[in-house]
C-alpha atoms as a PDB file:
ATOM      1  CA  MET A   1       0.000   0.000   0.000  1.00  0.00           C
ATOM      2  CA  ALA A   2       1.174   3.542  -0.780  1.00  0.00           C
ATOM      3  CA  GLU A   3       2.488   5.731   2.006  1.00  0.00           C
ATOM      4  CA  PRO A   4      -0.380   7.610   3.701  1.00  0.00           C
ATOM      5  CA  THR A   5      -0.512  11.366   3.184  1.00  0.00           C
ATOM      6  CA  VAL A   6      -1.738  14.132   5.481  1.00  0.00           C
ATOM      7  CA  PHE A   7      -3.624  16.495   3.161  1.00  0.00           C
ATOM      8  CA  ILE A   8      -3.633  19.979   4.735  1.00  0.00           C
ATOM      9  CA  ILE A   9      -6.240  22.444   3.464  1.00  0.00           C
ATOM     10  CA  ASP A  10      -6.152  25.984   4.842  1.00  0.00           C
ATOM     11  CA  ASP A  11      -6.238  29.421   3.222  1.00  0.00           C
ATOM     12  CA  ASP A  12      -3.653  30.664   5.734  1.00  0.00           C
ATOM     13  CA  GLU A  13      -0.154  29.910   4.423  1.00  0.00           C
ATOM     14  CA  ALA A  14       1.406  30.100   7.880  1.00  0.00           C
ATOM     15  CA  VAL A  15      -1.005  27.466   9.212  1.00  0.00           C
ATOM     16  CA  ARG A  16      -0.419  25.209   6.201  1.00  0.00           C
ATOM     17  CA  ASP A  17       3.335  25.383   6.654  1.00  0.00           C
ATOM     18  CA  SER A  18       3.084  24.900  10.419  1.00  0.00           C
ATOM     19  CA  VAL A  19       0.921  21.774  10.186  1.00  0.00           C
ATOM     20  CA  LYS A  20       3.067  20.337   7.394  1.00  0.00           C
ATOM     21  CA  GLU A  21       6.213  20.896   9.453  1.00  0.00           C
ATOM     22  CA  LEU A  22       4.560  19.236  12.456  1.00  0.00           C
ATOM     23  CA  ALA A  23       3.524  16.191  10.412  1.00  0.00           C
ATOM     24  CA  SER A  24       6.957  15.948   8.801  1.00  0.00           C
ATOM     25  CA  SER A  25       8.656  16.110  12.208  1.00  0.00           C
ATOM     26  CA  VAL A  26       7.202  12.704  13.088  1.00  0.00           C
ATOM     27  CA  GLY A  27       7.893  11.169   9.681  1.00  0.00           C
ATOM     28  CA  LEU A  28       4.492  11.695   8.066  1.00  0.00           C
ATOM     29  CA  HIS A  29       4.204  12.677   4.410  1.00  0.00           C
ATOM     30  CA  ALA A  30       2.141  15.854   3.979  1.00  0.00           C
ATOM     31  CA  GLU A  31       0.802  17.958   1.110  1.00  0.00           C
ATOM     32  CA  THR A  32      -0.791  21.410   1.338  1.00  0.00           C
ATOM     33  CA  PHE A  33      -3.653  23.079  -0.522  1.00  0.00           C
ATOM     34  CA  ARG A  34      -4.810  26.695  -0.442  1.00  0.00           C
ATOM     35  CA  SER A  35      -8.508  25.892  -0.925  1.00  0.00           C
ATOM     36  CA  ALA A  36     -11.057  23.116  -0.927  1.00  0.00           C
ATOM     37  CA  LEU A  37     -11.431  23.473  -4.697  1.00  0.00           C
ATOM     38  CA  GLU A  38      -7.680  23.093  -5.235  1.00  0.00           C
ATOM     39  CA  PHE A  39      -7.811  19.888  -3.181  1.00  0.00           C
ATOM     40  CA  LEU A  40     -10.793  18.519  -5.110  1.00  0.00           C
ATOM     41  CA  ASP A  41      -8.958  19.066  -8.400  1.00  0.00           C
ATOM     42  CA  ALA A  42      -6.136  16.829  -7.154  1.00  0.00           C
ATOM     43  CA  PHE A  43      -8.182  14.372  -5.077  1.00  0.00           C
ATOM     44  CA  ASP A  44      -7.621  10.666  -5.729  1.00  0.00           C
ATOM     45  CA  ALA A  45      -9.697   8.356  -3.511  1.00  0.00           C
ATOM     46  CA  ALA A  46      -7.179   5.561  -4.060  1.00  0.00           C
ATOM     47  CA  ARG A  47      -4.506   7.449  -2.122  1.00  0.00           C
ATOM     48  CA  PRO A  48      -4.492   6.595   1.606  1.00  0.00           C
ATOM     49  CA  GLY A  49      -4.378   9.383   4.177  1.00  0.00           C
ATOM     50  CA  CYS A  50      -6.486  11.937   6.012  1.00  0.00           C
ATOM     51  CA  LEU A  51      -7.508  15.594   5.802  1.00  0.00           C
ATOM     52  CA  VAL A  52      -6.529  18.373   8.171  1.00  0.00           C
ATOM     53  CA  LEU A  53      -9.156  20.873   7.154  1.00  0.00           C
ATOM     54  CA  ASP A  54      -9.880  24.487   8.075  1.00  0.00           C
ATOM     55  CA  VAL A  55     -13.557  25.208   8.725  1.00  0.00           C
ATOM     56  CA  ARG A  56     -13.825  28.748   7.336  1.00  0.00           C
ATOM     57  CA  MET A  57     -12.464  29.328   3.838  1.00  0.00           C
ATOM     58  CA  ALA A  58     -13.501  31.418   0.843  1.00  0.00           C
ATOM     59  CA  ARG A  59     -15.681  29.921  -1.920  1.00  0.00           C
ATOM     60  CA  MET A  60     -16.024  26.491  -0.278  1.00  0.00           C
ATOM     61  CA  SER A  61     -15.890  26.032   3.487  1.00  0.00           C
ATOM     62  CA  GLY A  62     -14.439  23.006   5.211  1.00  0.00           C
ATOM     63  CA  LEU A  63     -17.924  21.825   6.177  1.00  0.00           C
ATOM     64  CA  ALA A  64     -19.061  22.204   2.548  1.00  0.00           C
ATOM     65  CA  LEU A  65     -16.077  20.110   1.436  1.00  0.00           C
ATOM     66  CA  GLN A  66     -17.013  17.462   4.010  1.00  0.00           C
ATOM     67  CA  GLU A  67     -20.520  17.339   2.507  1.00  0.00           C
ATOM     68  CA  LYS A  68     -19.112  17.191  -1.036  1.00  0.00           C
ATOM     69  CA  LEU A  69     -16.813  14.275  -0.185  1.00  0.00           C
ATOM     70  CA  ALA A  70     -19.697  12.441   1.495  1.00  0.00           C
ATOM     71  CA  ALA A  71     -21.811  12.920  -1.649  1.00  0.00           C
ATOM     72  CA  MET A  72     -18.910  11.443  -3.651  1.00  0.00           C
ATOM     73  CA  ARG A  73     -18.855   8.472  -1.223  1.00  0.00           C
ATOM     74  CA  ALA A  74     -15.263   9.356  -0.387  1.00  0.00           C
ATOM     75  CA  ARG A  75     -14.428   7.966   3.058  1.00  0.00           C
ATOM     76  CA  ILE A  76     -11.221   9.881   3.784  1.00  0.00           C
ATOM     77  CA  PRO A  77     -11.155  10.756   7.527  1.00  0.00           C
ATOM     78  CA  ILE A  78     -11.185  14.453   8.457  1.00  0.00           C
ATOM     79  CA  VAL A  79      -9.631  16.420  11.315  1.00  0.00           C
ATOM     80  CA  PHE A  80     -11.068  19.933  11.452  1.00  0.00           C
ATOM     81  CA  ILE A  81      -9.084  22.916  12.732  1.00  0.00           C
ATOM     82  CA  SER A  82     -10.566  26.342  13.300  1.00  0.00           C
ATOM     83  CA  GLY A  83      -9.955  29.580  15.138  1.00  0.00           C
ATOM     84  CA  HIS A  84     -13.618  30.466  14.929  1.00  0.00           C
ATOM     85  CA  GLY A  85     -15.323  27.199  15.715  1.00  0.00           C
ATOM     86  CA  ASP A  86     -18.004  26.881  18.357  1.00  0.00           C
ATOM     87  CA  ILE A  87     -19.548  23.904  20.103  1.00  0.00           C
ATOM     88  CA  ALA A  88     -22.434  23.570  17.638  1.00  0.00           C
ATOM     89  CA  MET A  89     -20.059  23.607  14.663  1.00  0.00           C
ATOM     90  CA  ALA A  90     -17.830  20.964  16.261  1.00  0.00           C
ATOM     91  CA  VAL A  91     -20.823  18.747  17.078  1.00  0.00           C
ATOM     92  CA  ASN A  92     -22.126  19.006  13.510  1.00  0.00           C
ATOM     93  CA  ALA A  93     -18.701  18.216  12.055  1.00  0.00           C
ATOM     94  CA  VAL A  94     -18.245  15.139  14.244  1.00  0.00           C
ATOM     95  CA  LYS A  95     -21.827  13.971  13.648  1.00  0.00           C
ATOM     96  CA  ALA A  96     -21.088  14.144   9.924  1.00  0.00           C
ATOM     97  CA  GLY A  97     -18.131  11.825  10.446  1.00  0.00           C
ATOM     98  CA  ALA A  98     -15.157  13.994  11.378  1.00  0.00           C
ATOM     99  CA  VAL A  99     -12.546  12.281  13.553  1.00  0.00           C
ATOM    100  CA  ASP A 100     -11.849  15.365  15.673  1.00  0.00           C
ATOM    101  CA  PHE A 101     -12.227  19.149  15.890  1.00  0.00           C
ATOM    102  CA  VAL A 102      -9.131  21.031  17.061  1.00  0.00           C
ATOM    103  CA  GLN A 103      -9.177  24.691  18.024  1.00  0.00           C
ATOM    104  CA  LYS A 104      -6.513  27.161  16.836  1.00  0.00           C
ATOM    105  CA  PRO A 105      -4.003  27.840  18.221  1.00  0.00           C
ATOM    106  CA  TYR A 106      -3.663  24.074  18.447  1.00  0.00           C
ATOM    107  CA  HIS A 107      -1.554  22.069  20.870  1.00  0.00           C
ATOM    108  CA  GLU A 108       0.897  20.081  18.766  1.00  0.00           C
ATOM    109  CA  GLN A 109       0.376  16.764  20.545  1.00  0.00           C
ATOM    110  CA  GLN A 110      -3.407  17.109  20.411  1.00  0.00           C
ATOM    111  CA  LEU A 111      -3.283  17.661  16.659  1.00  0.00           C
ATOM    112  CA  LEU A 112      -0.812  14.807  16.143  1.00  0.00           C
ATOM    113  CA  ASP A 113      -3.024  12.478  18.171  1.00  0.00           C
ATOM    114  CA  ALA A 114      -6.011  13.445  16.010  1.00  0.00           C
ATOM    115  CA  ILE A 115      -4.011  12.944  12.789  1.00  0.00           C
ATOM    116  CA  ASN A 116      -2.789   9.534  13.926  1.00  0.00           C
ATOM    117  CA  ALA A 117      -6.343   8.513  14.841  1.00  0.00           C
ATOM    118  CA  ALA A 118      -7.537   9.629  11.392  1.00  0.00           C
ATOM    119  CA  LEU A 119      -4.754   7.701   9.624  1.00  0.00           C
ATOM    120  CA  ALA A 120      -5.556   4.596  11.685  1.00  0.00           C
ATOM    121  CA  LYS A 121      -9.230   4.916  10.730  1.00  0.00           C
ATOM    122  CA  ASP A 122      -8.315   5.225   7.045  1.00  0.00           C
ATOM    123  CA  ALA A 123      -6.091   2.138   7.244  1.00  0.00           C
ATOM    124  CA  ALA A 124      -8.891   0.165   8.931  1.00  0.00           C
ATOM    125  CA  LEU A 125     -11.442   1.228   6.298  1.00  0.00           C
ATOM    126  CA  ARG A 126      -9.098   0.218   3.482  1.00  0.00           C
ATOM    127  CA  ALA A 127      -8.317  -3.118   5.114  1.00  0.00           C
ATOM    128  CA  ALA A 128     -12.035  -3.852   5.507  1.00  0.00           C
ATOM    129  CA  THR A 129     -12.665  -2.939   1.862  1.00  0.00           C
ATOM    130  CA  GLY A 130      -9.823  -5.184   0.759  1.00  0.00           C
ATOM    131  CA  ASN A 131     -11.169  -8.058   2.849  1.00  0.00           C
ATOM    132  CA  ASP A 132     -14.639  -7.531   1.391  1.00  0.00           C
ATOM    133  CA  ARG A 133     -13.203  -7.759  -2.118  1.00  0.00           C
ATOM    134  CA  GLY A 134     -11.279 -10.913  -1.251  1.00  0.00           C
ATOM    135  CA  LEU A 135     -14.344 -12.526   0.291  1.00  0.00           C
ATOM    136  CA  ALA A 136     -16.454 -11.659  -2.770  1.00  0.00           C
ATOM    137  CA  GLU A 137     -13.881 -13.291  -5.044  1.00  0.00           C
ATOM    138  CA  ARG A 138     -13.867 -16.450  -2.918  1.00  0.00           C
ATOM    139  CA  VAL A 139     -17.687 -16.604  -2.887  1.00  0.00           C
ATOM    140  CA  ALA A 140     -17.666 -16.288  -6.690  1.00  0.00           C
ATOM    141  CA  ALA A 141     -15.464 -19.406  -6.828  1.00  0.00           C
ATOM    142  CA  LEU A 142     -18.071 -21.549  -5.027  1.00  0.00           C
ATOM    143  CA  THR A 143     -20.226 -23.994  -6.967  1.00  0.00           C
ATOM    144  CA  ALA A 144     -23.925 -23.181  -7.361  1.00  0.00           C
ATOM    145  CA  ARG A 145     -24.838 -25.831  -4.784  1.00  0.00           C
ATOM    146  CA  GLU A 146     -22.226 -24.561  -2.306  1.00  0.00           C
ATOM    147  CA  ARG A 147     -23.680 -21.047  -2.616  1.00  0.00           C
ATOM    148  CA  GLU A 148     -27.172 -22.416  -1.941  1.00  0.00           C
ATOM    149  CA  VAL A 149     -25.935 -24.187   1.179  1.00  0.00           C
ATOM    150  CA  MET A 150     -24.051 -21.056   2.285  1.00  0.00           C
ATOM    151  CA  GLU A 151     -27.094 -18.777   1.876  1.00  0.00           C
ATOM    152  CA  LEU A 152     -29.309 -21.102   3.911  1.00  0.00           C
ATOM    153  CA  ALA A 153     -26.618 -21.590   6.567  1.00  0.00           C
ATOM    154  CA  LEU A 154     -26.265 -17.811   6.888  1.00  0.00           C
ATOM    155  CA  LYS A 155     -29.986 -17.706   7.708  1.00  0.00           C
ATOM    156  CA  GLY A 156     -29.185 -19.894  10.707  1.00  0.00           C
ATOM    157  CA  LEU A 157     -30.723 -23.092   9.340  1.00  0.00           C
ATOM    158  CA  PRO A 158     -29.219 -26.376  10.610  1.00  0.00           C
ATOM    159  CA  SER A 159     -27.898 -28.949   8.130  1.00  0.00           C
ATOM    160  CA  LYS A 160     -30.962 -31.219   8.485  1.00  0.00           C
ATOM    161  CA  VAL A 161     -33.298 -28.376   7.488  1.00  0.00           C
ATOM    162  CA  ILE A 162     -31.000 -27.340   4.614  1.00  0.00           C
ATOM    163  CA  ALA A 163     -31.008 -30.943   3.379  1.00  0.00           C
ATOM    164  CA  LYS A 164     -34.819 -30.955   3.349  1.00  0.00           C
ATOM    165  CA  GLU A 165     -34.975 -27.542   1.627  1.00  0.00           C
ATOM    166  CA  LEU A 166     -32.603 -28.633  -1.148  1.00  0.00           C
ATOM    167  CA  GLY A 167     -33.818 -32.221  -1.427  1.00  0.00           C
ATOM    168  CA  ILE A 168     -30.414 -33.727  -0.714  1.00  0.00           C
ATOM    169  CA  SER A 169     -29.004 -35.884   2.076  1.00  0.00           C
ATOM    170  CA  HIS A 170     -27.774 -34.535   5.397  1.00  0.00           C
ATOM    171  CA  ARG A 171     -24.345 -36.034   4.664  1.00  0.00           C
ATOM    172  CA  THR A 172     -24.166 -34.187   1.306  1.00  0.00           C
ATOM    173  CA  VAL A 173     -25.015 -30.894   3.022  1.00  0.00           C
ATOM    174  CA  GLU A 174     -22.246 -31.471   5.543  1.00  0.00           C
ATOM    175  CA  LEU A 175     -19.808 -32.166   2.702  1.00  0.00           C
ATOM    176  CA  HIS A 176     -20.784 -28.965   0.847  1.00  0.00           C
ATOM    177  CA  ARG A 177     -20.629 -27.027   4.097  1.00  0.00           C
ATOM    178  CA  SER A 178     -17.115 -28.283   4.845  1.00  0.00           C
ATOM    179  CA  ARG A 179     -15.907 -27.494   1.321  1.00  0.00           C
ATOM    180  CA  LEU A 180     -17.371 -23.983   1.191  1.00  0.00           C
ATOM    181  CA  LEU A 181     -15.884 -23.055   4.580  1.00  0.00           C
ATOM    182  CA  GLU A 182     -12.486 -24.271   3.372  1.00  0.00           C
ATOM    183  CA  LYS A 183     -12.778 -22.285   0.115  1.00  0.00           C
ATOM    184  CA  LEU A 184     -13.818 -19.134   1.991  1.00  0.00           C
ATOM    185  CA  GLY A 185     -10.968 -19.471   4.474  1.00  0.00           C
ATOM    186  CA  VAL A 186     -13.155 -19.557   7.601  1.00  0.00           C
ATOM    187  CA  SER A 187     -13.526 -22.177  10.308  1.00  0.00           C
ATOM    188  CA  SER A 188     -17.267 -21.911  10.949  1.00  0.00           C
ATOM    189  CA  VAL A 189     -20.546 -20.426   9.715  1.00  0.00           C
ATOM    190  CA  THR A 190     -20.443 -18.094  12.737  1.00  0.00           C
ATOM    191  CA  GLU A 191     -17.127 -16.662  11.526  1.00  0.00           C
ATOM    192  CA  LEU A 192     -18.579 -16.305   8.017  1.00  0.00           C
ATOM    193  CA  MET A 193     -21.584 -14.429   9.449  1.00  0.00           C
ATOM    194  CA  ARG A 194     -19.245 -12.045  11.248  1.00  0.00           C
ATOM    195  CA  LEU A 195     -17.284 -11.381   8.045  1.00  0.00           C
ATOM    196  CA  THR A 196     -20.480 -10.861   6.063  1.00  0.00           C
ATOM    197  CA  TYR A 197     -22.387  -8.613   8.447  1.00  0.00           C
ATOM    198  CA  ASP A 198     -19.671  -6.746  10.360  1.00  0.00           C
ATOM    199  CA  ARG A 199     -18.423  -5.224   7.102  1.00  0.00           C
ATOM    200  CA  ARG A 200     -21.708  -3.717   5.990  1.00  0.00           C
ATOM    201  CA  PRO A 201     -21.327   0.044   5.350  1.00  0.00           C
ATOM    202  CA  GLU A 202     -22.499   2.225   8.230  1.00  0.00           C
END
């Protein structure tokens, strides 16, 4: 996976440079943008990372950019910074999915902690997406009968009931069940349920 990037968006050059220097001081790669529109022109959802985003900017505010990214189904985590933020603004930002809301002038460690939390969230989201893709590919490799058995097992039906539903023997169901679990790389139907349902989008 590519190195994660801290994307810093602020119309104040001094703040951009300060945050970039802070991120660089702990070995993080950072890029700066003067506006939300400049960032959108360069945005690539495939690149891992997080946003450090000013709330109040000309033309498109940080909150408007958050809404735009959500409409694009972009899941890049956001840390807001603002010298003008109030409690209501912070609550709205976090409700809309922001990782944190840091007031200017920021404490360096507080901002670093928020950035690290955002990068960890991005890594977790990408890992889950990758696992989903891998699981989908393994399911596609099942035979038609194995998929039938899997779908009924995921409904919580025992092998005897599945056998009756499909008009096959209990022993045949157990054989299909064993083979599909092996192909999917799981040890039980319970584990398969967890993989299937825990990764549903929020």
